[in-house]
Amino acid sequence: MEQTGKCPSCGGTMLFNPGFKSLVCQSCGRKDIIPELVSKIAVNELDFLSAQNTASHDWGMEVKMVTCKQCGARMIQNKLQMSGMCPFCGSTTVEAADPSQDIMAPTGVIPFAITENRALYIFKDWIKDRFLAPELLSENAHLNKFYGIYIPLFTFDVLTENRYTGNYKDDNRTLFKCGKFQYQVDDFPVVASRQLASDKLLLNVIKDYRTNEAKPYTADALAGFPCEHYSIGLTEAWNSLGDDLKSHLVSQVNKLDKSKYLMGIEMATDYFNLKYKYLIVPVWLNSFFYDNKLYTIVINGQTGKIDGQWPKSFGTFAKKTALFFLGSFGLD
């Protein structure tokens, strides 16, 4: 979705201003602070079991869903907006999906803090350290343009009751230990985008949000930015947590008694009072083709963390290695 409004002063287009929690007029420069983004009101946590009855469907505007025919990405747009380019693959074959679908709205938003210029600087600094990256890759015209998009993220809060067993070493003896503990899981994230969740590099970037800084959802934060619709639903997101959540809970065991490092930990867990938040979070995205293969670079729009895929050139590697050794021996 790209929400836009009119400037009260000149009638120009008001767009969200990354890093300033405000709208800025593209014609006269007027800036209006967005109240929701400077408020101290916490984002509501909703009860998981009654999600269908308590979830909001109010986006603050009339919306529609569009689908990319090439990669399958689904985006939410203002109903009046013309379908444009897909930020995931660059395709322009984007068409409206089922117009009758009732689209669940986010409960909160993490607004863009990183500007596009800053994102480009982060990328160019990062790509210099990719030793196998082809020369001039960072100068590629397409790579000089990053696309801002909001990505769907579910977070879960749940009270856990855990029973565990394990063993530890003591004077060259292997001893057994068992116990139980209660632990409150807070804001455990699940990326609800199939476009990005399948790649571990990209996943590490878009799990790196300070979710405690999320603000109540407002359509003004989307002014000028599209929003991806979640392709991993709420129930599927919770069910996908198995291994990640188990690893997190196992890591808590050795914090209970630091004098005994447990190995071979087995655990059984019961869950209570499960709650969730549906957030949209900012990403700077660049998808590009190199030798007919699609590569994707992702920058966290809140923290600036970057990762992604890039082409490898062994010719570049050989050249850089030769230059390194020539420089080391004073032969350059």
C-alpha atoms as a PDB file:
ATOM      1  CA  MET A   1       0.000   0.000   0.000  1.00  0.00           C
ATOM      2  CA  GLU A   2       1.185   3.484  -0.662  1.00  0.00           C
ATOM      3  CA  GLN A   3      -0.913   5.912   1.300  1.00  0.00           C
ATOM      4  CA  THR A   4      -0.637   9.562   0.259  1.00  0.00           C
ATOM      5  CA  GLY A   5      -2.324  12.686   1.547  1.00  0.00           C
ATOM      6  CA  LYS A   6      -2.632  16.320   0.494  1.00  0.00           C
ATOM      7  CA  CYS A   7      -0.670  19.128   2.097  1.00  0.00           C
ATOM      8  CA  PRO A   8      -2.951  21.517   4.053  1.00  0.00           C
ATOM      9  CA  SER A   9      -0.753  24.440   2.963  1.00  0.00           C
ATOM     10  CA  CYS A  10      -0.310  23.979  -0.795  1.00  0.00           C
ATOM     11  CA  GLY A  11      -2.208  20.840  -1.779  1.00  0.00           C
ATOM     12  CA  GLY A  12       1.016  18.967  -2.607  1.00  0.00           C
ATOM     13  CA  THR A  13       1.674  15.307  -1.802  1.00  0.00           C
ATOM     14  CA  MET A  14       2.553  14.431   1.796  1.00  0.00           C
ATOM     15  CA  LEU A  15       4.894  11.443   2.229  1.00  0.00           C
ATOM     16  CA  PHE A  16       6.403   9.796   5.287  1.00  0.00           C
ATOM     17  CA  ASN A  17       9.802  11.211   6.236  1.00  0.00           C
ATOM     18  CA  PRO A  18      12.091   8.351   7.437  1.00  0.00           C
ATOM     19  CA  GLY A  19      13.839   9.090  10.711  1.00  0.00           C
ATOM     20  CA  PHE A  20      11.614  12.040  11.642  1.00  0.00           C
ATOM     21  CA  LYS A  21       8.248  10.414  12.466  1.00  0.00           C
ATOM     22  CA  SER A  22       6.525  12.996  10.314  1.00  0.00           C
ATOM     23  CA  LEU A  23       4.914  13.662   6.947  1.00  0.00           C
ATOM     24  CA  VAL A  24       6.692  16.074   4.629  1.00  0.00           C
ATOM     25  CA  CYS A  25       5.183  17.910   1.658  1.00  0.00           C
ATOM     26  CA  GLN A  26       7.017  17.195  -1.574  1.00  0.00           C
ATOM     27  CA  SER A  27       6.158  20.693  -2.876  1.00  0.00           C
ATOM     28  CA  CYS A  28       6.506  23.230  -0.061  1.00  0.00           C
ATOM     29  CA  GLY A  29       8.444  21.238   2.543  1.00  0.00           C
ATOM     30  CA  ARG A  30       5.806  21.482   5.275  1.00  0.00           C
ATOM     31  CA  LYS A  31       6.336  18.870   8.028  1.00  0.00           C
ATOM     32  CA  ASP A  32       3.577  17.443  10.209  1.00  0.00           C
ATOM     33  CA  ILE A  33       4.431  15.188  13.138  1.00  0.00           C
ATOM     34  CA  ILE A  34       2.449  11.918  13.177  1.00  0.00           C
ATOM     35  CA  PRO A  35       0.892  11.733  16.690  1.00  0.00           C
ATOM     36  CA  GLU A  36       0.819   7.924  16.887  1.00  0.00           C
ATOM     37  CA  LEU A  37       4.575   7.688  16.213  1.00  0.00           C
ATOM     38  CA  VAL A  38       5.549  10.027  19.061  1.00  0.00           C
ATOM     39  CA  SER A  39       3.033   8.699  21.586  1.00  0.00           C
ATOM     40  CA  LYS A  40       3.993   6.505  24.530  1.00  0.00           C
ATOM     41  CA  ILE A  41       0.984   4.243  24.039  1.00  0.00           C
ATOM     42  CA  ALA A  42       1.999   0.581  23.842  1.00  0.00           C
ATOM     43  CA  VAL A  43       0.914  -1.622  20.957  1.00  0.00           C
ATOM     44  CA  ASN A  44      -2.000  -3.818  21.973  1.00  0.00           C
ATOM     45  CA  GLU A  45      -1.350  -7.512  22.480  1.00  0.00           C
ATOM     46  CA  LEU A  46      -4.272  -9.636  21.335  1.00  0.00           C
ATOM     47  CA  ASP A  47      -5.456 -12.990  22.601  1.00  0.00           C
ATOM     48  CA  PHE A  48      -4.424 -15.714  20.161  1.00  0.00           C
ATOM     49  CA  LEU A  49      -7.457 -17.964  20.718  1.00  0.00           C
ATOM     50  CA  SER A  50      -9.928 -15.189  19.896  1.00  0.00           C
ATOM     51  CA  ALA A  51      -7.818 -13.666  17.109  1.00  0.00           C
ATOM     52  CA  GLN A  52     -10.509 -13.897  14.451  1.00  0.00           C
ATOM     53  CA  ASN A  53     -12.959 -11.989  16.642  1.00  0.00           C
ATOM     54  CA  THR A  54     -10.600  -9.331  18.016  1.00  0.00           C
ATOM     55  CA  ALA A  55      -8.374  -8.524  15.014  1.00  0.00           C
ATOM     56  CA  SER A  56      -8.876  -5.128  13.399  1.00  0.00           C
ATOM     57  CA  HIS A  57      -9.636  -4.802   9.698  1.00  0.00           C
ATOM     58  CA  ASP A  58      -9.389  -1.005   9.671  1.00  0.00           C
ATOM     59  CA  TRP A  59      -6.376   0.138   7.620  1.00  0.00           C
ATOM     60  CA  GLY A  60      -7.350   3.797   7.907  1.00  0.00           C
ATOM     61  CA  MET A  61      -8.237   3.827   4.189  1.00  0.00           C
ATOM     62  CA  GLU A  62      -9.910   1.602   1.607  1.00  0.00           C
ATOM     63  CA  VAL A  63      -7.449  -1.090   0.577  1.00  0.00           C
ATOM     64  CA  LYS A  64      -7.022  -3.769  -2.032  1.00  0.00           C
ATOM     65  CA  MET A  65      -4.630  -6.678  -2.425  1.00  0.00           C
ATOM     66  CA  VAL A  66      -2.442  -7.076  -5.507  1.00  0.00           C
ATOM     67  CA  THR A  67      -0.408 -10.099  -6.543  1.00  0.00           C
ATOM     68  CA  CYS A  68       2.803 -10.301  -8.563  1.00  0.00           C
ATOM     69  CA  LYS A  69       2.286 -12.836 -11.369  1.00  0.00           C
ATOM     70  CA  GLN A  70       6.025 -13.554 -11.559  1.00  0.00           C
ATOM     71  CA  CYS A  71       7.073 -14.247  -7.935  1.00  0.00           C
ATOM     72  CA  GLY A  72       3.706 -14.503  -6.167  1.00  0.00           C
ATOM     73  CA  ALA A  73       4.275 -11.678  -3.678  1.00  0.00           C
ATOM     74  CA  ARG A  74       1.106 -10.094  -2.322  1.00  0.00           C
ATOM     75  CA  MET A  75       0.972  -6.401  -1.428  1.00  0.00           C
ATOM     76  CA  ILE A  76      -1.636  -4.207   0.198  1.00  0.00           C
ATOM     77  CA  GLN A  77      -2.402  -0.976  -1.647  1.00  0.00           C
ATOM     78  CA  ASN A  78      -4.654   2.018  -1.383  1.00  0.00           C
ATOM     79  CA  LYS A  79      -7.760   1.099  -3.374  1.00  0.00           C
ATOM     80  CA  LEU A  80      -7.283   4.137  -5.630  1.00  0.00           C
ATOM     81  CA  GLN A  81      -3.632   3.393  -6.438  1.00  0.00           C
ATOM     82  CA  MET A  82      -2.641   1.973  -9.797  1.00  0.00           C
ATOM     83  CA  SER A  83      -0.718  -1.315  -9.537  1.00  0.00           C
ATOM     84  CA  GLY A  84       3.000  -0.771 -10.077  1.00  0.00           C
ATOM     85  CA  MET A  85       6.291  -2.618  -9.847  1.00  0.00           C
ATOM     86  CA  CYS A  86       6.895  -5.583  -7.534  1.00  0.00           C
ATOM     87  CA  PRO A  87       9.696  -4.661  -5.067  1.00  0.00           C
ATOM     88  CA  PHE A  88      10.714  -8.321  -4.717  1.00  0.00           C
ATOM     89  CA  CYS A  89      11.495  -9.174  -8.330  1.00  0.00           C
ATOM     90  CA  GLY A  90      11.060  -5.955 -10.310  1.00  0.00           C
ATOM     91  CA  SER A  91       8.194  -7.331 -12.392  1.00  0.00           C
ATOM     92  CA  THR A  92       5.477  -4.970 -13.574  1.00  0.00           C
ATOM     93  CA  THR A  93       2.980  -7.808 -14.051  1.00  0.00           C
ATOM     94  CA  VAL A  94       1.091  -6.976 -10.863  1.00  0.00           C
ATOM     95  CA  GLU A  95      -2.664  -7.454 -10.808  1.00  0.00           C
ATOM     96  CA  ALA A  96      -5.530  -7.081  -8.365  1.00  0.00           C
ATOM     97  CA  ALA A  97      -6.440 -10.133  -6.287  1.00  0.00           C
ATOM     98  CA  ASP A  98      -9.835 -11.085  -4.840  1.00  0.00           C
ATOM     99  CA  PRO A  99     -11.516  -7.709  -4.138  1.00  0.00           C
ATOM    100  CA  SER A 100     -13.931  -9.233  -1.614  1.00  0.00           C
ATOM    101  CA  GLN A 101     -11.215 -10.474   0.747  1.00  0.00           C
ATOM    102  CA  ASP A 102     -11.363  -8.964   4.252  1.00  0.00           C
ATOM    103  CA  ILE A 103      -7.766  -7.992   5.071  1.00  0.00           C
ATOM    104  CA  MET A 104      -6.603  -8.052   8.697  1.00  0.00           C
ATOM    105  CA  ALA A 105      -4.883  -4.801   9.636  1.00  0.00           C
ATOM    106  CA  PRO A 106      -1.685  -4.521  11.711  1.00  0.00           C
ATOM    107  CA  THR A 107      -1.795  -3.672  15.400  1.00  0.00           C
ATOM    108  CA  GLY A 108       1.486  -1.788  15.271  1.00  0.00           C
ATOM    109  CA  VAL A 109       4.199  -0.354  13.058  1.00  0.00           C
ATOM    110  CA  ILE A 110       7.929   0.214  13.327  1.00  0.00           C
ATOM    111  CA  PRO A 111       8.470   3.270  11.103  1.00  0.00           C
ATOM    112  CA  PHE A 112      11.442   3.750   8.799  1.00  0.00           C
ATOM    113  CA  ALA A 113      14.415   5.276  10.632  1.00  0.00           C
ATOM    114  CA  ILE A 114      16.941   4.703   7.807  1.00  0.00           C
ATOM    115  CA  THR A 115      16.674   6.896   4.707  1.00  0.00           C
ATOM    116  CA  GLU A 116      17.204   5.578   1.184  1.00  0.00           C
ATOM    117  CA  ASN A 117      20.482   7.514   0.883  1.00  0.00           C
ATOM    118  CA  ARG A 118      21.702   5.969   4.114  1.00  0.00           C
ATOM    119  CA  ALA A 119      20.645   2.513   2.874  1.00  0.00           C
ATOM    120  CA  LEU A 120      22.678   2.999  -0.303  1.00  0.00           C
ATOM    121  CA  TYR A 121      25.731   4.043   1.730  1.00  0.00           C
ATOM    122  CA  ILE A 122      25.331   0.963   3.964  1.00  0.00           C
ATOM    123  CA  PHE A 123      25.153  -1.260   0.887  1.00  0.00           C
ATOM    124  CA  LYS A 124      28.224   0.210  -0.814  1.00  0.00           C
ATOM    125  CA  ASP A 125      30.237  -0.112   2.390  1.00  0.00           C
ATOM    126  CA  TRP A 126      29.048  -3.711   2.828  1.00  0.00           C
ATOM    127  CA  ILE A 127      29.664  -4.868  -0.747  1.00  0.00           C
ATOM    128  CA  LYS A 128      33.289  -3.697  -0.575  1.00  0.00           C
ATOM    129  CA  ASP A 129      33.898  -6.434   2.002  1.00  0.00           C
ATOM    130  CA  ARG A 130      32.423  -9.173  -0.243  1.00  0.00           C
ATOM    131  CA  PHE A 131      35.766 -10.368  -1.589  1.00  0.00           C
ATOM    132  CA  LEU A 132      34.252 -12.414  -4.416  1.00  0.00           C
ATOM    133  CA  ALA A 133      31.787  -9.748  -5.564  1.00  0.00           C
ATOM    134  CA  PRO A 134      32.316  -8.671  -9.202  1.00  0.00           C
ATOM    135  CA  GLU A 135      34.042  -5.364  -9.691  1.00  0.00           C
ATOM    136  CA  LEU A 136      31.754  -2.388 -10.291  1.00  0.00           C
ATOM    137  CA  LEU A 137      28.784  -4.305  -8.855  1.00  0.00           C
ATOM    138  CA  SER A 138      28.058  -1.456  -6.444  1.00  0.00           C
ATOM    139  CA  GLU A 139      28.088   0.970  -9.397  1.00  0.00           C
ATOM    140  CA  ASN A 140      25.398  -0.976 -11.258  1.00  0.00           C
ATOM    141  CA  ALA A 141      22.625   1.504 -12.072  1.00  0.00           C
ATOM    142  CA  HIS A 142      19.894  -0.730 -10.662  1.00  0.00           C
ATOM    143  CA  LEU A 143      21.766  -1.141  -7.382  1.00  0.00           C
ATOM    144  CA  ASN A 144      21.742   2.613  -6.899  1.00  0.00           C
ATOM    145  CA  LYS A 145      18.020   2.357  -6.162  1.00  0.00           C
ATOM    146  CA  PHE A 146      16.665   0.687  -3.028  1.00  0.00           C
ATOM    147  CA  TYR A 147      12.926   0.188  -2.521  1.00  0.00           C
ATOM    148  CA  GLY A 148      11.351   0.741   0.867  1.00  0.00           C
ATOM    149  CA  ILE A 149       8.629  -1.704   1.850  1.00  0.00           C
ATOM    150  CA  TYR A 150       6.889  -2.734   5.066  1.00  0.00           C
ATOM    151  CA  ILE A 151       7.128  -6.456   5.840  1.00  0.00           C
ATOM    152  CA  PRO A 152       4.633  -8.385   8.041  1.00  0.00           C
ATOM    153  CA  LEU A 153       5.926  -9.679  11.382  1.00  0.00           C
ATOM    154  CA  PHE A 154       4.045 -11.548  14.099  1.00  0.00           C
ATOM    155  CA  THR A 155       5.373 -11.503  17.655  1.00  0.00           C
ATOM    156  CA  PHE A 156       4.250 -13.882  20.386  1.00  0.00           C
ATOM    157  CA  ASP A 157       4.067 -13.606  24.156  1.00  0.00           C
ATOM    158  CA  VAL A 158       3.446 -16.804  26.092  1.00  0.00           C
ATOM    159  CA  LEU A 159       3.945 -18.110  29.611  1.00  0.00           C
ATOM    160  CA  THR A 160       5.822 -21.426  29.594  1.00  0.00           C
ATOM    161  CA  GLU A 161       6.068 -24.185  32.221  1.00  0.00           C
ATOM    162  CA  ASN A 162       9.166 -26.276  31.470  1.00  0.00           C
ATOM    163  CA  ARG A 163      10.415 -29.646  32.752  1.00  0.00           C
ATOM    164  CA  TYR A 164      13.949 -30.606  31.783  1.00  0.00           C
ATOM    165  CA  THR A 165      16.630 -33.234  32.201  1.00  0.00           C
ATOM    166  CA  GLY A 166      20.338 -33.110  31.409  1.00  0.00           C
ATOM    167  CA  ASN A 167      23.784 -34.135  32.563  1.00  0.00           C
ATOM    168  CA  TYR A 168      26.913 -32.317  33.685  1.00  0.00           C
ATOM    169  CA  LYS A 169      30.521 -33.076  34.546  1.00  0.00           C
ATOM    170  CA  ASP A 170      31.806 -33.018  38.126  1.00  0.00           C
ATOM    171  CA  ASP A 171      35.289 -34.364  38.993  1.00  0.00           C
ATOM    172  CA  ASN A 172      35.342 -36.418  35.790  1.00  0.00           C
ATOM    173  CA  ARG A 173      31.979 -37.904  36.681  1.00  0.00           C
ATOM    174  CA  THR A 174      28.860 -37.526  34.573  1.00  0.00           C
ATOM    175  CA  LEU A 175      25.926 -36.619  36.808  1.00  0.00           C
ATOM    176  CA  PHE A 176      22.222 -36.349  36.050  1.00  0.00           C
ATOM    177  CA  LYS A 177      20.060 -33.360  36.823  1.00  0.00           C
ATOM    178  CA  CYS A 178      16.373 -32.592  36.355  1.00  0.00           C
ATOM    179  CA  GLY A 179      14.228 -29.609  37.208  1.00  0.00           C
ATOM    180  CA  LYS A 180      11.462 -27.283  36.181  1.00  0.00           C
ATOM    181  CA  PHE A 181      11.083 -23.559  35.671  1.00  0.00           C
ATOM    182  CA  GLN A 182       8.596 -20.971  34.526  1.00  0.00           C
ATOM    183  CA  TYR A 183       9.564 -18.526  31.809  1.00  0.00           C
ATOM    184  CA  GLN A 184       7.700 -15.670  30.134  1.00  0.00           C
ATOM    185  CA  VAL A 185       8.457 -15.450  26.412  1.00  0.00           C
ATOM    186  CA  ASP A 186       8.196 -11.852  25.212  1.00  0.00           C
ATOM    187  CA  ASP A 187       7.917 -10.617  21.606  1.00  0.00           C
ATOM    188  CA  PHE A 188       9.252 -13.771  19.959  1.00  0.00           C
ATOM    189  CA  PRO A 189       9.292 -12.837  16.240  1.00  0.00           C
ATOM    190  CA  VAL A 190       8.106 -14.741  13.181  1.00  0.00           C
ATOM    191  CA  VAL A 191       8.589 -13.187   9.750  1.00  0.00           C
ATOM    192  CA  ALA A 192       5.281 -13.652   7.910  1.00  0.00           C
ATOM    193  CA  SER A 193       6.724 -13.210   4.401  1.00  0.00           C
ATOM    194  CA  ARG A 194       7.399 -16.318   2.329  1.00  0.00           C
ATOM    195  CA  GLN A 195       9.386 -14.121  -0.055  1.00  0.00           C
ATOM    196  CA  LEU A 196      12.043 -13.512   2.596  1.00  0.00           C
ATOM    197  CA  ALA A 197      11.591 -16.211   5.262  1.00  0.00           C
ATOM    198  CA  SER A 198      13.121 -18.955   3.096  1.00  0.00           C
ATOM    199  CA  ASP A 199      16.579 -17.319   3.117  1.00  0.00           C
ATOM    200  CA  LYS A 200      18.470 -17.465   6.442  1.00  0.00           C
ATOM    201  CA  LEU A 201      20.649 -14.464   5.593  1.00  0.00           C
ATOM    202  CA  LEU A 202      17.635 -12.284   4.926  1.00  0.00           C
ATOM    203  CA  LEU A 203      15.789 -13.746   7.901  1.00  0.00           C
ATOM    204  CA  ASN A 204      18.562 -12.679  10.281  1.00  0.00           C
ATOM    205  CA  VAL A 205      18.168  -9.094   9.089  1.00  0.00           C
ATOM    206  CA  ILE A 206      14.405  -8.906   9.420  1.00  0.00           C
ATOM    207  CA  LYS A 207      14.324 -10.523  12.850  1.00  0.00           C
ATOM    208  CA  ASP A 208      16.687  -7.827  14.144  1.00  0.00           C
ATOM    209  CA  TYR A 209      14.058  -5.307  15.211  1.00  0.00           C
ATOM    210  CA  ARG A 210      13.619  -3.559  18.542  1.00  0.00           C
ATOM    211  CA  THR A 211       9.970  -4.543  18.737  1.00  0.00           C
ATOM    212  CA  ASN A 212       9.533  -2.757  22.068  1.00  0.00           C
ATOM    213  CA  GLU A 213       9.784   0.484  20.034  1.00  0.00           C
ATOM    214  CA  ALA A 214       6.768  -0.363  17.866  1.00  0.00           C
ATOM    215  CA  LYS A 215       4.016   2.241  17.741  1.00  0.00           C
ATOM    216  CA  PRO A 216       0.253   1.866  17.301  1.00  0.00           C
ATOM    217  CA  TYR A 217      -0.565   1.376  13.636  1.00  0.00           C
ATOM    218  CA  THR A 218      -1.274   4.466  11.568  1.00  0.00           C
ATOM    219  CA  ALA A 219      -1.783   4.685   7.822  1.00  0.00           C
ATOM    220  CA  ASP A 220       0.373   7.850   7.750  1.00  0.00           C
ATOM    221  CA  ALA A 221       3.522   5.744   8.299  1.00  0.00           C
ATOM    222  CA  LEU A 222       2.822   4.085   4.948  1.00  0.00           C
ATOM    223  CA  ALA A 223       2.667   7.329   2.971  1.00  0.00           C
ATOM    224  CA  GLY A 224       4.912   6.607  -0.011  1.00  0.00           C
ATOM    225  CA  PHE A 225       5.731   3.003   0.972  1.00  0.00           C
ATOM    226  CA  PRO A 226       4.082  -0.274  -0.124  1.00  0.00           C
ATOM    227  CA  CYS A 227       3.201  -2.957   2.397  1.00  0.00           C
ATOM    228  CA  GLU A 228       3.455  -6.704   1.870  1.00  0.00           C
ATOM    229  CA  HIS A 229       0.472  -8.762   2.959  1.00  0.00           C
ATOM    230  CA  TYR A 230       1.368 -11.666   5.232  1.00  0.00           C
ATOM    231  CA  SER A 231       1.700 -14.929   3.320  1.00  0.00           C
ATOM    232  CA  ILE A 232       2.258 -16.935   6.519  1.00  0.00           C
ATOM    233  CA  GLY A 233      -0.925 -16.782   8.583  1.00  0.00           C
ATOM    234  CA  LEU A 234      -1.145 -16.339  12.337  1.00  0.00           C
ATOM    235  CA  THR A 235      -1.722 -20.013  13.215  1.00  0.00           C
ATOM    236  CA  GLU A 236       0.953 -21.195  10.796  1.00  0.00           C
ATOM    237  CA  ALA A 237       3.381 -18.641  12.242  1.00  0.00           C
ATOM    238  CA  TRP A 238       2.837 -19.930  15.778  1.00  0.00           C
ATOM    239  CA  ASN A 239       3.135 -23.565  14.698  1.00  0.00           C
ATOM    240  CA  SER A 240       6.398 -22.792  12.878  1.00  0.00           C
ATOM    241  CA  LEU A 241       8.065 -21.655  16.098  1.00  0.00           C
ATOM    242  CA  GLY A 242       8.844 -25.195  17.323  1.00  0.00           C
ATOM    243  CA  ASP A 243      12.620 -25.526  16.921  1.00  0.00           C
ATOM    244  CA  ASP A 244      13.458 -21.837  17.373  1.00  0.00           C
ATOM    245  CA  LEU A 245      11.391 -21.485  20.536  1.00  0.00           C
ATOM    246  CA  LYS A 246      12.709 -24.766  21.937  1.00  0.00           C
ATOM    247  CA  SER A 247      16.304 -23.613  21.391  1.00  0.00           C
ATOM    248  CA  HIS A 248      15.486 -20.346  23.131  1.00  0.00           C
ATOM    249  CA  LEU A 249      14.024 -22.148  26.140  1.00  0.00           C
ATOM    250  CA  VAL A 250      16.917 -24.622  26.311  1.00  0.00           C
ATOM    251  CA  SER A 251      19.319 -21.667  26.394  1.00  0.00           C
ATOM    252  CA  GLN A 252      17.537 -20.431  29.513  1.00  0.00           C
ATOM    253  CA  VAL A 253      18.278 -23.642  31.442  1.00  0.00           C
ATOM    254  CA  ASN A 254      21.962 -22.919  31.963  1.00  0.00           C
ATOM    255  CA  LYS A 255      21.095 -19.457  33.254  1.00  0.00           C
ATOM    256  CA  LEU A 256      19.307 -21.094  36.194  1.00  0.00           C
ATOM    257  CA  ASP A 257      22.487 -22.583  37.678  1.00  0.00           C
ATOM    258  CA  LYS A 258      25.663 -21.241  36.104  1.00  0.00           C
ATOM    259  CA  SER A 259      27.827 -23.560  38.238  1.00  0.00           C
ATOM    260  CA  LYS A 260      26.615 -26.625  36.323  1.00  0.00           C
ATOM    261  CA  TYR A 261      26.726 -26.530  32.524  1.00  0.00           C
ATOM    262  CA  LEU A 262      24.118 -28.997  31.333  1.00  0.00           C
ATOM    263  CA  MET A 263      24.519 -31.072  28.186  1.00  0.00           C
ATOM    264  CA  GLY A 264      22.072 -33.327  26.384  1.00  0.00           C
ATOM    265  CA  ILE A 265      19.121 -31.285  27.606  1.00  0.00           C
ATOM    266  CA  GLU A 266      15.660 -32.706  27.001  1.00  0.00           C
ATOM    267  CA  MET A 267      12.616 -30.555  27.689  1.00  0.00           C
ATOM    268  CA  ALA A 268       8.828 -30.729  27.791  1.00  0.00           C
ATOM    269  CA  THR A 269       6.862 -27.475  27.733  1.00  0.00           C
ATOM    270  CA  ASP A 270       3.303 -26.358  28.434  1.00  0.00           C
ATOM    271  CA  TYR A 271       2.070 -23.002  27.106  1.00  0.00           C
ATOM    272  CA  PHE A 272      -0.374 -20.569  28.731  1.00  0.00           C
ATOM    273  CA  ASN A 273      -1.936 -17.184  27.949  1.00  0.00           C
ATOM    274  CA  LEU A 274      -0.717 -16.959  24.363  1.00  0.00           C
ATOM    275  CA  LYS A 275      -0.898 -13.441  22.911  1.00  0.00           C
ATOM    276  CA  TYR A 276       0.308 -11.901  19.673  1.00  0.00           C
ATOM    277  CA  LYS A 277       0.993  -8.631  17.896  1.00  0.00           C
ATOM    278  CA  TYR A 278       0.818  -8.126  14.142  1.00  0.00           C
ATOM    279  CA  LEU A 279       3.451  -5.570  13.196  1.00  0.00           C
ATOM    280  CA  ILE A 280       4.601  -4.162   9.898  1.00  0.00           C
ATOM    281  CA  VAL A 281       8.328  -3.440   9.899  1.00  0.00           C
ATOM    282  CA  PRO A 282      10.549  -1.445   7.499  1.00  0.00           C
ATOM    283  CA  VAL A 283      12.925  -2.969   4.955  1.00  0.00           C
ATOM    284  CA  TRP A 284      15.050  -1.463   2.188  1.00  0.00           C
ATOM    285  CA  LEU A 285      15.075  -4.018  -0.579  1.00  0.00           C
ATOM    286  CA  ASN A 286      17.034  -4.464  -3.777  1.00  0.00           C
ATOM    287  CA  SER A 287      16.401  -7.416  -6.078  1.00  0.00           C
ATOM    288  CA  PHE A 288      18.511  -7.602  -9.220  1.00  0.00           C
ATOM    289  CA  PHE A 289      19.441 -10.048 -11.959  1.00  0.00           C
ATOM    290  CA  TYR A 290      23.081 -10.926 -12.689  1.00  0.00           C
ATOM    291  CA  ASP A 291      23.841 -13.557 -15.339  1.00  0.00           C
ATOM    292  CA  ASN A 292      20.108 -14.373 -15.429  1.00  0.00           C
ATOM    293  CA  LYS A 293      19.972 -15.175 -11.697  1.00  0.00           C
ATOM    294  CA  LEU A 294      17.933 -13.178  -9.162  1.00  0.00           C
ATOM    295  CA  TYR A 295      19.758 -11.814  -6.105  1.00  0.00           C
ATOM    296  CA  THR A 296      18.238  -9.963  -3.155  1.00  0.00           C
ATOM    297  CA  ILE A 297      19.811  -7.496  -0.722  1.00  0.00           C
ATOM    298  CA  VAL A 298      17.896  -6.543   2.432  1.00  0.00           C
ATOM    299  CA  ILE A 299      18.580  -3.685   4.866  1.00  0.00           C
ATOM    300  CA  ASN A 300      16.710  -3.398   8.142  1.00  0.00           C
ATOM    301  CA  GLY A 301      14.940  -0.024   7.947  1.00  0.00           C
ATOM    302  CA  GLN A 302      15.137   0.494  11.707  1.00  0.00           C
ATOM    303  CA  THR A 303      18.651  -0.687  12.636  1.00  0.00           C
ATOM    304  CA  GLY A 304      20.566  -0.590   9.334  1.00  0.00           C
ATOM    305  CA  LYS A 305      21.617  -4.255   9.546  1.00  0.00           C
ATOM    306  CA  ILE A 306      22.312  -5.659   6.065  1.00  0.00           C
ATOM    307  CA  ASP A 307      22.710  -9.052   4.421  1.00  0.00           C
ATOM    308  CA  GLY A 308      21.758 -10.818   1.246  1.00  0.00           C
ATOM    309  CA  GLN A 309      22.848 -12.728  -1.798  1.00  0.00           C
ATOM    310  CA  TRP A 310      25.431 -11.523  -4.276  1.00  0.00           C
ATOM    311  CA  PRO A 311      27.123 -12.961  -7.368  1.00  0.00           C
ATOM    312  CA  LYS A 312      30.633 -14.419  -7.031  1.00  0.00           C
ATOM    313  CA  SER A 313      33.414 -13.732  -9.509  1.00  0.00           C
ATOM    314  CA  PHE A 314      36.577 -15.808  -9.224  1.00  0.00           C
ATOM    315  CA  GLY A 315      38.239 -13.507 -11.747  1.00  0.00           C
ATOM    316  CA  THR A 316      37.712 -10.657  -9.301  1.00  0.00           C
ATOM    317  CA  PHE A 317      39.041 -12.851  -6.493  1.00  0.00           C
ATOM    318  CA  ALA A 318      42.234 -13.612  -8.445  1.00  0.00           C
ATOM    319  CA  LYS A 319      42.763  -9.945  -9.258  1.00  0.00           C
ATOM    320  CA  LYS A 320      42.217  -8.789  -5.679  1.00  0.00           C
ATOM    321  CA  THR A 321      44.498 -11.523  -4.357  1.00  0.00           C
ATOM    322  CA  ALA A 322      47.260 -10.528  -6.789  1.00  0.00           C
ATOM    323  CA  LEU A 323      46.913  -6.861  -5.843  1.00  0.00           C
ATOM    324  CA  PHE A 324      47.027  -7.785  -2.158  1.00  0.00           C
ATOM    325  CA  PHE A 325      50.298  -9.681  -2.492  1.00  0.00           C
ATOM    326  CA  LEU A 326      51.829  -7.020  -4.731  1.00  0.00           C
ATOM    327  CA  GLY A 327      50.960  -4.425  -2.150  1.00  0.00           C
ATOM    328  CA  SER A 328      52.280  -6.549   0.709  1.00  0.00           C
ATOM    329  CA  PHE A 329      55.682  -6.891  -0.956  1.00  0.00           C
ATOM    330  CA  GLY A 330      55.862  -3.293  -2.119  1.00  0.00           C
ATOM    331  CA  LEU A 331      55.511  -4.191  -5.790  1.00  0.00           C
ATOM    332  CA  ASP A 332      52.498  -2.098  -6.657  1.00  0.00           C
END
